Amino acid sequence: MPCLALVLALFSPRLALVAVWLLSDILSRSLDSRLLPLIGFFLLPWTTLAYAVMWDVGTHAVTGFEWFVVGLAFLADLSAHRETARGRR
């Protein structure tokens, strides 16, 4: 499942989140509430996807290097928001 999520994320992180949600239960297991994935879908899709995949790949917890990957995804989300704001000006 992580490989499919990666391939779909190359096109769109939101598409990958929908595929992960439909084809597996990674999001429900890695994120405790139903509200958090929904907020992540709209505000931080790369971070939400990275956290869910790193949680599934590891020992069902995000530790060590996995936090680095989640941090890079967060920077990608911030960059996307910044570029969107710049394009509106």
PDB file of N, CA and C in Angstrom:
ATOM      1  N   MET A   1       0.803  -1.194   0.000  1.00  0.00           N
ATOM      2  CA  MET A   1       0.000   0.000   0.000  1.00  0.00           C
ATOM      3  C   MET A   1       0.849   1.263   0.000  1.00  0.00           C
ATOM      4  N   PRO A   2       1.977   1.303   0.729  1.00  0.00           N
ATOM      5  CA  PRO A   2       2.791   2.516   0.694  1.00  0.00           C
ATOM      6  C   PRO A   2       3.311   2.846  -0.705  1.00  0.00           C
ATOM      7  N   CYS A   3       3.600   1.844  -1.516  1.00  0.00           N
ATOM      8  CA  CYS A   3       4.086   2.113  -2.877  1.00  0.00           C
ATOM      9  C   CYS A   3       2.989   2.729  -3.746  1.00  0.00           C
ATOM     10  N   LEU A   4       1.772   2.230  -3.603  1.00  0.00           N
ATOM     11  CA  LEU A   4       0.657   2.798  -4.349  1.00  0.00           C
ATOM     12  C   LEU A   4       0.409   4.239  -3.908  1.00  0.00           C
ATOM     13  N   ALA A   5       0.495   4.487  -2.614  1.00  0.00           N
ATOM     14  CA  ALA A   5       0.308   5.846  -2.100  1.00  0.00           C
ATOM     15  C   ALA A   5       1.388   6.772  -2.657  1.00  0.00           C
ATOM     16  N   LEU A   6       2.598   6.297  -2.756  1.00  0.00           N
ATOM     17  CA  LEU A   6       3.689   7.113  -3.296  1.00  0.00           C
ATOM     18  C   LEU A   6       3.458   7.447  -4.761  1.00  0.00           C
ATOM     19  N   VAL A   7       3.051   6.476  -5.544  1.00  0.00           N
ATOM     20  CA  VAL A   7       2.810   6.715  -6.974  1.00  0.00           C
ATOM     21  C   VAL A   7       1.657   7.692  -7.167  1.00  0.00           C
ATOM     22  N   LEU A   8       0.582   7.521  -6.419  1.00  0.00           N
ATOM     23  CA  LEU A   8      -0.544   8.446  -6.527  1.00  0.00           C
ATOM     24  C   LEU A   8      -0.194   9.830  -6.006  1.00  0.00           C
ATOM     25  N   ALA A   9       0.667   9.898  -4.998  1.00  0.00           N
ATOM     26  CA  ALA A   9       1.068  11.194  -4.441  1.00  0.00           C
ATOM     27  C   ALA A   9       1.877  12.004  -5.441  1.00  0.00           C
ATOM     28  N   LEU A  10       2.517  11.342  -6.392  1.00  0.00           N
ATOM     29  CA  LEU A  10       3.240  12.084  -7.424  1.00  0.00           C
ATOM     30  C   LEU A  10       2.281  12.911  -8.271  1.00  0.00           C
ATOM     31  N   PHE A  11       1.051  12.440  -8.425  1.00  0.00           N
ATOM     32  CA  PHE A  11       0.035  13.191  -9.155  1.00  0.00           C
ATOM     33  C   PHE A  11      -0.664  14.191  -8.248  1.00  0.00           C
ATOM     34  N   SER A  12      -1.097  13.729  -7.075  1.00  0.00           N
ATOM     35  CA  SER A  12      -1.824  14.585  -6.143  1.00  0.00           C
ATOM     36  C   SER A  12      -1.848  13.915  -4.774  1.00  0.00           C
ATOM     37  N   PRO A  13      -1.438  14.630  -3.723  1.00  0.00           N
ATOM     38  CA  PRO A  13      -1.489  14.012  -2.396  1.00  0.00           C
ATOM     39  C   PRO A  13      -2.921  13.750  -1.940  1.00  0.00           C
ATOM     40  N   ARG A  14      -3.851  14.575  -2.397  1.00  0.00           N
ATOM     41  CA  ARG A  14      -5.250  14.356  -2.014  1.00  0.00           C
ATOM     42  C   ARG A  14      -5.807  13.100  -2.680  1.00  0.00           C
ATOM     43  N   LEU A  15      -5.410  12.845  -3.918  1.00  0.00           N
ATOM     44  CA  LEU A  15      -5.814  11.614  -4.600  1.00  0.00           C
ATOM     45  C   LEU A  15      -5.249  10.402  -3.864  1.00  0.00           C
ATOM     46  N   ALA A  16      -4.018  10.506  -3.420  1.00  0.00           N
ATOM     47  CA  ALA A  16      -3.400   9.413  -2.671  1.00  0.00           C
ATOM     48  C   ALA A  16      -4.117   9.193  -1.343  1.00  0.00           C
ATOM     49  N   LEU A  17      -4.519  10.278  -0.665  1.00  0.00           N
ATOM     50  CA  LEU A  17      -5.262  10.134   0.587  1.00  0.00           C
ATOM     51  C   LEU A  17      -6.601   9.434   0.370  1.00  0.00           C
ATOM     52  N   VAL A  18      -7.292   9.793  -0.696  1.00  0.00           N
ATOM     53  CA  VAL A  18      -8.567   9.136  -0.996  1.00  0.00           C
ATOM     54  C   VAL A  18      -8.342   7.657  -1.287  1.00  0.00           C
ATOM     55  N   ALA A  19      -7.306   7.330  -2.039  1.00  0.00           N
ATOM     56  CA  ALA A  19      -7.012   5.928  -2.343  1.00  0.00           C
ATOM     57  C   ALA A  19      -6.658   5.156  -1.077  1.00  0.00           C
ATOM     58  N   VAL A  20      -5.865   5.753  -0.214  1.00  0.00           N
ATOM     59  CA  VAL A  20      -5.509   5.086   1.043  1.00  0.00           C
ATOM     60  C   VAL A  20      -6.748   4.893   1.901  1.00  0.00           C
ATOM     61  N   TRP A  21      -7.628   5.881   1.908  1.00  0.00           N
ATOM     62  CA  TRP A  21      -8.860   5.788   2.694  1.00  0.00           C
ATOM     63  C   TRP A  21      -9.781   4.687   2.155  1.00  0.00           C
ATOM     64  N   LEU A  22      -9.889   4.584   0.829  1.00  0.00           N
ATOM     65  CA  LEU A  22     -10.786   3.593   0.232  1.00  0.00           C
ATOM     66  C   LEU A  22     -10.226   2.178   0.259  1.00  0.00           C
ATOM     67  N   LEU A  23      -8.921   2.033   0.063  1.00  0.00           N
ATOM     68  CA  LEU A  23      -8.331   0.710  -0.120  1.00  0.00           C
ATOM     69  C   LEU A  23      -7.715   0.095   1.131  1.00  0.00           C
ATOM     70  N   SER A  24      -7.599   0.873   2.198  1.00  0.00           N
ATOM     71  CA  SER A  24      -7.016   0.322   3.420  1.00  0.00           C
ATOM     72  C   SER A  24      -7.601   1.030   4.630  1.00  0.00           C
ATOM     73  N   ASP A  25      -7.165   0.608   5.789  1.00  0.00           N
ATOM     74  CA  ASP A  25      -7.613   1.258   7.018  1.00  0.00           C
ATOM     75  C   ASP A  25      -6.463   1.955   7.734  1.00  0.00           C
ATOM     76  N   ILE A  26      -5.456   2.344   6.976  1.00  0.00           N
ATOM     77  CA  ILE A  26      -4.283   2.992   7.558  1.00  0.00           C
ATOM     78  C   ILE A  26      -4.657   4.306   8.229  1.00  0.00           C
ATOM     79  N   LEU A  27      -5.483   5.117   7.585  1.00  0.00           N
ATOM     80  CA  LEU A  27      -5.840   6.421   8.155  1.00  0.00           C
ATOM     81  C   LEU A  27      -6.596   6.265   9.469  1.00  0.00           C
ATOM     82  N   SER A  28      -7.514   5.345   9.530  1.00  0.00           N
ATOM     83  CA  SER A  28      -8.284   5.181  10.763  1.00  0.00           C
ATOM     84  C   SER A  28      -7.435   4.599  11.892  1.00  0.00           C
ATOM     85  N   ARG A  29      -6.455   3.772  11.554  1.00  0.00           N
ATOM     86  CA  ARG A  29      -5.592   3.208  12.591  1.00  0.00           C
ATOM     87  C   ARG A  29      -4.531   4.195  13.051  1.00  0.00           C
ATOM     88  N   SER A  30      -3.981   4.987  12.126  1.00  0.00           N
ATOM     89  CA  SER A  30      -2.887   5.879  12.501  1.00  0.00           C
ATOM     90  C   SER A  30      -3.363   7.184  13.122  1.00  0.00           C
ATOM     91  N   LEU A  31      -4.526   7.651  12.725  1.00  0.00           N
ATOM     92  CA  LEU A  31      -5.073   8.895  13.259  1.00  0.00           C
ATOM     93  C   LEU A  31      -6.320   8.546  14.068  1.00  0.00           C
ATOM     94  N   ASP A  32      -6.327   8.914  15.334  1.00  0.00           N
ATOM     95  CA  ASP A  32      -7.360   8.451  16.268  1.00  0.00           C
ATOM     96  C   ASP A  32      -8.752   8.983  15.976  1.00  0.00           C
ATOM     97  N   SER A  33      -8.864  10.196  15.495  1.00  0.00           N
ATOM     98  CA  SER A  33     -10.195  10.769  15.296  1.00  0.00           C
ATOM     99  C   SER A  33     -10.572  10.768  13.818  1.00  0.00           C
ATOM    100  N   ARG A  34     -11.820  11.050  13.536  1.00  0.00           N
ATOM    101  CA  ARG A  34     -12.271  11.175  12.152  1.00  0.00           C
ATOM    102  C   ARG A  34     -12.073  12.586  11.635  1.00  0.00           C
ATOM    103  N   LEU A  35     -11.953  13.538  12.547  1.00  0.00           N
ATOM    104  CA  LEU A  35     -11.804  14.934  12.168  1.00  0.00           C
ATOM    105  C   LEU A  35     -10.390  15.235  11.673  1.00  0.00           C
ATOM    106  N   LEU A  36      -9.393  14.611  12.262  1.00  0.00           N
ATOM    107  CA  LEU A  36      -8.002  14.885  11.899  1.00  0.00           C
ATOM    108  C   LEU A  36      -7.678  14.552  10.442  1.00  0.00           C
ATOM    109  N   PRO A  37      -8.084  13.403   9.907  1.00  0.00           N
ATOM    110  CA  PRO A  37      -7.828  13.147   8.483  1.00  0.00           C
ATOM    111  C   PRO A  37      -8.570  14.121   7.569  1.00  0.00           C
ATOM    112  N   LEU A  38      -9.743  14.544   7.974  1.00  0.00           N
ATOM    113  CA  LEU A  38     -10.511  15.492   7.172  1.00  0.00           C
ATOM    114  C   LEU A  38      -9.822  16.856   7.124  1.00  0.00           C
ATOM    115  N   ILE A  39      -9.346  17.319   8.270  1.00  0.00           N
ATOM    116  CA  ILE A  39      -8.606  18.582   8.312  1.00  0.00           C
ATOM    117  C   ILE A  39      -7.308  18.438   7.519  1.00  0.00           C
ATOM    118  N   GLY A  40      -6.648  17.301   7.689  1.00  0.00           N
ATOM    119  CA  GLY A  40      -5.408  17.058   6.951  1.00  0.00           C
ATOM    120  C   GLY A  40      -5.621  17.018   5.453  1.00  0.00           C
ATOM    121  N   PHE A  41      -6.764  16.510   5.024  1.00  0.00           N
ATOM    122  CA  PHE A  41      -7.072  16.444   3.594  1.00  0.00           C
ATOM    123  C   PHE A  41      -7.094  17.846   2.986  1.00  0.00           C
ATOM    124  N   PHE A  42      -7.681  18.807   3.693  1.00  0.00           N
ATOM    125  CA  PHE A  42      -7.817  20.155   3.150  1.00  0.00           C
ATOM    126  C   PHE A  42      -6.615  21.050   3.429  1.00  0.00           C
ATOM    127  N   LEU A  43      -5.966  20.925   4.579  1.00  0.00           N
ATOM    128  CA  LEU A  43      -4.900  21.855   4.948  1.00  0.00           C
ATOM    129  C   LEU A  43      -3.488  21.300   4.759  1.00  0.00           C
ATOM    130  N   LEU A  44      -3.267  20.069   5.168  1.00  0.00           N
ATOM    131  CA  LEU A  44      -1.923  19.491   5.129  1.00  0.00           C
ATOM    132  C   LEU A  44      -1.943  18.088   4.525  1.00  0.00           C
ATOM    133  N   PRO A  45      -2.233  17.973   3.232  1.00  0.00           N
ATOM    134  CA  PRO A  45      -2.355  16.617   2.668  1.00  0.00           C
ATOM    135  C   PRO A  45      -1.037  15.844   2.653  1.00  0.00           C
ATOM    136  N   TRP A  46       0.073  16.494   2.341  1.00  0.00           N
ATOM    137  CA  TRP A  46       1.358  15.786   2.328  1.00  0.00           C
ATOM    138  C   TRP A  46       1.717  15.283   3.722  1.00  0.00           C
ATOM    139  N   THR A  47       1.505  16.123   4.733  1.00  0.00           N
ATOM    140  CA  THR A  47       1.837  15.743   6.103  1.00  0.00           C
ATOM    141  C   THR A  47       0.955  14.598   6.579  1.00  0.00           C
ATOM    142  N   THR A  48      -0.322  14.666   6.299  1.00  0.00           N
ATOM    143  CA  THR A  48      -1.247  13.611   6.706  1.00  0.00           C
ATOM    144  C   THR A  48      -0.881  12.285   6.046  1.00  0.00           C
ATOM    145  N   LEU A  49      -0.595  12.342   4.771  1.00  0.00           N
ATOM    146  CA  LEU A  49      -0.222  11.122   4.049  1.00  0.00           C
ATOM    147  C   LEU A  49       1.103  10.562   4.563  1.00  0.00           C
ATOM    148  N   ALA A  50       2.082  11.421   4.758  1.00  0.00           N
ATOM    149  CA  ALA A  50       3.384  10.959   5.249  1.00  0.00           C
ATOM    150  C   ALA A  50       3.267  10.353   6.641  1.00  0.00           C
ATOM    151  N   TYR A  51       2.504  10.984   7.516  1.00  0.00           N
ATOM    152  CA  TYR A  51       2.345  10.448   8.868  1.00  0.00           C
ATOM    153  C   TYR A  51       1.682   9.070   8.827  1.00  0.00           C
ATOM    154  N   ALA A  52       0.618   8.938   8.048  1.00  0.00           N
ATOM    155  CA  ALA A  52      -0.095   7.657   7.982  1.00  0.00           C
ATOM    156  C   ALA A  52       0.800   6.560   7.411  1.00  0.00           C
ATOM    157  N   VAL A  53       1.526   6.865   6.357  1.00  0.00           N
ATOM    158  CA  VAL A  53       2.389   5.847   5.737  1.00  0.00           C
ATOM    159  C   VAL A  53       3.557   5.501   6.655  1.00  0.00           C
ATOM    160  N   MET A  54       4.177   6.504   7.287  1.00  0.00           N
ATOM    161  CA  MET A  54       5.288   6.225   8.205  1.00  0.00           C
ATOM    162  C   MET A  54       4.801   5.444   9.425  1.00  0.00           C
ATOM    163  N   TRP A  55       3.588   5.708   9.874  1.00  0.00           N
ATOM    164  CA  TRP A  55       3.030   4.957  10.992  1.00  0.00           C
ATOM    165  C   TRP A  55       2.832   3.498  10.598  1.00  0.00           C
ATOM    166  N   ASP A  56       2.392   3.251   9.386  1.00  0.00           N
ATOM    167  CA  ASP A  56       2.136   1.885   8.920  1.00  0.00           C
ATOM    168  C   ASP A  56       3.427   1.136   8.618  1.00  0.00           C
ATOM    169  N   VAL A  57       4.399   1.820   8.063  1.00  0.00           N
ATOM    170  CA  VAL A  57       5.652   1.164   7.689  1.00  0.00           C
ATOM    171  C   VAL A  57       6.463   0.782   8.917  1.00  0.00           C
ATOM    172  N   GLY A  58       6.445   1.627   9.927  1.00  0.00           N
ATOM    173  CA  GLY A  58       7.234   1.391  11.132  1.00  0.00           C
ATOM    174  C   GLY A  58       6.568   0.415  12.079  1.00  0.00           C
ATOM    175  N   THR A  59       6.810   0.632  13.332  1.00  0.00           N
ATOM    176  CA  THR A  59       6.290  -0.248  14.381  1.00  0.00           C
ATOM    177  C   THR A  59       4.970   0.284  14.921  1.00  0.00           C
ATOM    178  N   HIS A  60       4.139   0.790  14.043  1.00  0.00           N
ATOM    179  CA  HIS A  60       2.853   1.401  14.396  1.00  0.00           C
ATOM    180  C   HIS A  60       3.037   2.550  15.377  1.00  0.00           C
ATOM    181  N   ALA A  61       4.125   3.258  15.142  1.00  0.00           N
ATOM    182  CA  ALA A  61       4.425   4.506  15.843  1.00  0.00           C
ATOM    183  C   ALA A  61       5.422   5.252  14.964  1.00  0.00           C
ATOM    184  N   VAL A  62       5.387   6.549  15.018  1.00  0.00           N
ATOM    185  CA  VAL A  62       6.330   7.351  14.228  1.00  0.00           C
ATOM    186  C   VAL A  62       7.494   7.715  15.138  1.00  0.00           C
ATOM    187  N   THR A  63       8.672   7.196  14.799  1.00  0.00           N
ATOM    188  CA  THR A  63       9.859   7.436  15.619  1.00  0.00           C
ATOM    189  C   THR A  63      11.061   7.675  14.730  1.00  0.00           C
ATOM    190  N   GLY A  64      12.062   8.343  15.275  1.00  0.00           N
ATOM    191  CA  GLY A  64      13.345   8.518  14.611  1.00  0.00           C
ATOM    192  C   GLY A  64      13.265   9.168  13.248  1.00  0.00           C
ATOM    193  N   PHE A  65      13.842   8.499  12.264  1.00  0.00           N
ATOM    194  CA  PHE A  65      13.928   9.028  10.904  1.00  0.00           C
ATOM    195  C   PHE A  65      12.551   9.282  10.302  1.00  0.00           C
ATOM    196  N   GLU A  66      11.558   8.560  10.749  1.00  0.00           N
ATOM    197  CA  GLU A  66      10.200   8.734  10.227  1.00  0.00           C
ATOM    198  C   GLU A  66       9.686  10.148  10.493  1.00  0.00           C
ATOM    199  N   TRP A  67      10.075  10.744  11.631  1.00  0.00           N
ATOM    200  CA  TRP A  67       9.687  12.130  11.907  1.00  0.00           C
ATOM    201  C   TRP A  67      10.336  13.092  10.924  1.00  0.00           C
ATOM    202  N   PHE A  68      11.532  12.753  10.467  1.00  0.00           N
ATOM    203  CA  PHE A  68      12.197  13.577   9.458  1.00  0.00           C
ATOM    204  C   PHE A  68      11.391  13.585   8.162  1.00  0.00           C
ATOM    205  N   VAL A  69      10.888  12.432   7.765  1.00  0.00           N
ATOM    206  CA  VAL A  69      10.062  12.334   6.558  1.00  0.00           C
ATOM    207  C   VAL A  69       8.778  13.141   6.725  1.00  0.00           C
ATOM    208  N   VAL A  70       8.136  13.047   7.893  1.00  0.00           N
ATOM    209  CA  VAL A  70       6.920  13.819   8.163  1.00  0.00           C
ATOM    210  C   VAL A  70       7.239  15.312   8.151  1.00  0.00           C
ATOM    211  N   GLY A  71       8.396  15.698   8.687  1.00  0.00           N
ATOM    212  CA  GLY A  71       8.816  17.103   8.666  1.00  0.00           C
ATOM    213  C   GLY A  71       9.028  17.617   7.250  1.00  0.00           C
ATOM    214  N   LEU A  72       9.614  16.801   6.392  1.00  0.00           N
ATOM    215  CA  LEU A  72       9.774  17.195   4.987  1.00  0.00           C
ATOM    216  C   LEU A  72       8.417  17.367   4.306  1.00  0.00           C
ATOM    217  N   ALA A  73       7.489  16.501   4.635  1.00  0.00           N
ATOM    218  CA  ALA A  73       6.141  16.621   4.074  1.00  0.00           C
ATOM    219  C   ALA A  73       5.470  17.904   4.557  1.00  0.00           C
ATOM    220  N   PHE A  74       5.698  18.263   5.815  1.00  0.00           N
ATOM    221  CA  PHE A  74       5.148  19.513   6.348  1.00  0.00           C
ATOM    222  C   PHE A  74       5.737  20.710   5.608  1.00  0.00           C
ATOM    223  N   LEU A  75       7.033  20.673   5.339  1.00  0.00           N
ATOM    224  CA  LEU A  75       7.659  21.753   4.568  1.00  0.00           C
ATOM    225  C   LEU A  75       7.092  21.822   3.153  1.00  0.00           C
ATOM    226  N   ALA A  76       6.781  20.680   2.564  1.00  0.00           N
ATOM    227  CA  ALA A  76       6.162  20.666   1.233  1.00  0.00           C
ATOM    228  C   ALA A  76       4.779  21.304   1.282  1.00  0.00           C
ATOM    229  N   ASP A  77       4.021  21.027   2.343  1.00  0.00           N
ATOM    230  CA  ASP A  77       2.701  21.662   2.497  1.00  0.00           C
ATOM    231  C   ASP A  77       2.835  23.168   2.660  1.00  0.00           C
ATOM    232  N   LEU A  78       3.778  23.600   3.485  1.00  0.00           N
ATOM    233  CA  LEU A  78       3.987  25.042   3.669  1.00  0.00           C
ATOM    234  C   LEU A  78       4.396  25.708   2.368  1.00  0.00           C
ATOM    235  N   SER A  79       5.242  25.048   1.616  1.00  0.00           N
ATOM    236  CA  SER A  79       5.679  25.586   0.329  1.00  0.00           C
ATOM    237  C   SER A  79       4.507  25.700  -0.645  1.00  0.00           C
ATOM    238  N   ALA A  80       3.649  24.710  -0.650  1.00  0.00           N
ATOM    239  CA  ALA A  80       2.483  24.748  -1.543  1.00  0.00           C
ATOM    240  C   ALA A  80       1.550  25.889  -1.165  1.00  0.00           C
ATOM    241  N   HIS A  81       1.344  26.101   0.130  1.00  0.00           N
ATOM    242  CA  HIS A  81       0.489  27.212   0.569  1.00  0.00           C
ATOM    243  C   HIS A  81       1.119  28.559   0.216  1.00  0.00           C
ATOM    244  N   ARG A  82       2.415  28.640   0.349  1.00  0.00           N
ATOM    245  CA  ARG A  82       3.124  29.886   0.038  1.00  0.00           C
ATOM    246  C   ARG A  82       3.039  30.194  -1.456  1.00  0.00           C
ATOM    247  N   GLU A  83       3.216  29.187  -2.273  1.00  0.00           N
ATOM    248  CA  GLU A  83       3.141  29.403  -3.724  1.00  0.00           C
ATOM    249  C   GLU A  83       1.724  29.765  -4.170  1.00  0.00           C
ATOM    250  N   THR A  84       0.726  29.198  -3.508  1.00  0.00           N
ATOM    251  CA  THR A  84      -0.649  29.545  -3.822  1.00  0.00           C
ATOM    252  C   THR A  84      -0.921  31.000  -3.469  1.00  0.00           C
ATOM    253  N   ALA A  85      -0.428  31.431  -2.323  1.00  0.00           N
ATOM    254  CA  ALA A  85      -0.613  32.831  -1.914  1.00  0.00           C
ATOM    255  C   ALA A  85       0.133  33.770  -2.853  1.00  0.00           C
ATOM    256  N   ARG A  86       1.303  33.370  -3.276  1.00  0.00           N
ATOM    257  CA  ARG A  86       2.098  34.205  -4.189  1.00  0.00           C
ATOM    258  C   ARG A  86       1.412  34.315  -5.548  1.00  0.00           C
ATOM    259  N   GLY A  87       0.784  33.231  -6.002  1.00  0.00           N
ATOM    260  CA  GLY A  87       0.088  33.244  -7.286  1.00  0.00           C
ATOM    261  C   GLY A  87      -1.144  34.122  -7.262  1.00  0.00           C
ATOM    262  N   ARG A  88      -1.757  34.294  -6.107  1.00  0.00           N
ATOM    263  CA  ARG A  88      -2.941  35.136  -6.004  1.00  0.00           C
ATOM    264  C   ARG A  88      -2.595  36.615  -6.049  1.00  0.00           C
ATOM    265  N   ARG A  89      -1.370  36.966  -5.699  1.00  0.00           N
ATOM    266  CA  ARG A  89      -0.974  38.374  -5.716  1.00  0.00           C
ATOM    267  C   ARG A  89      -0.646  38.799  -7.081  1.00  0.00           C
TER     268      ARG A  89
END
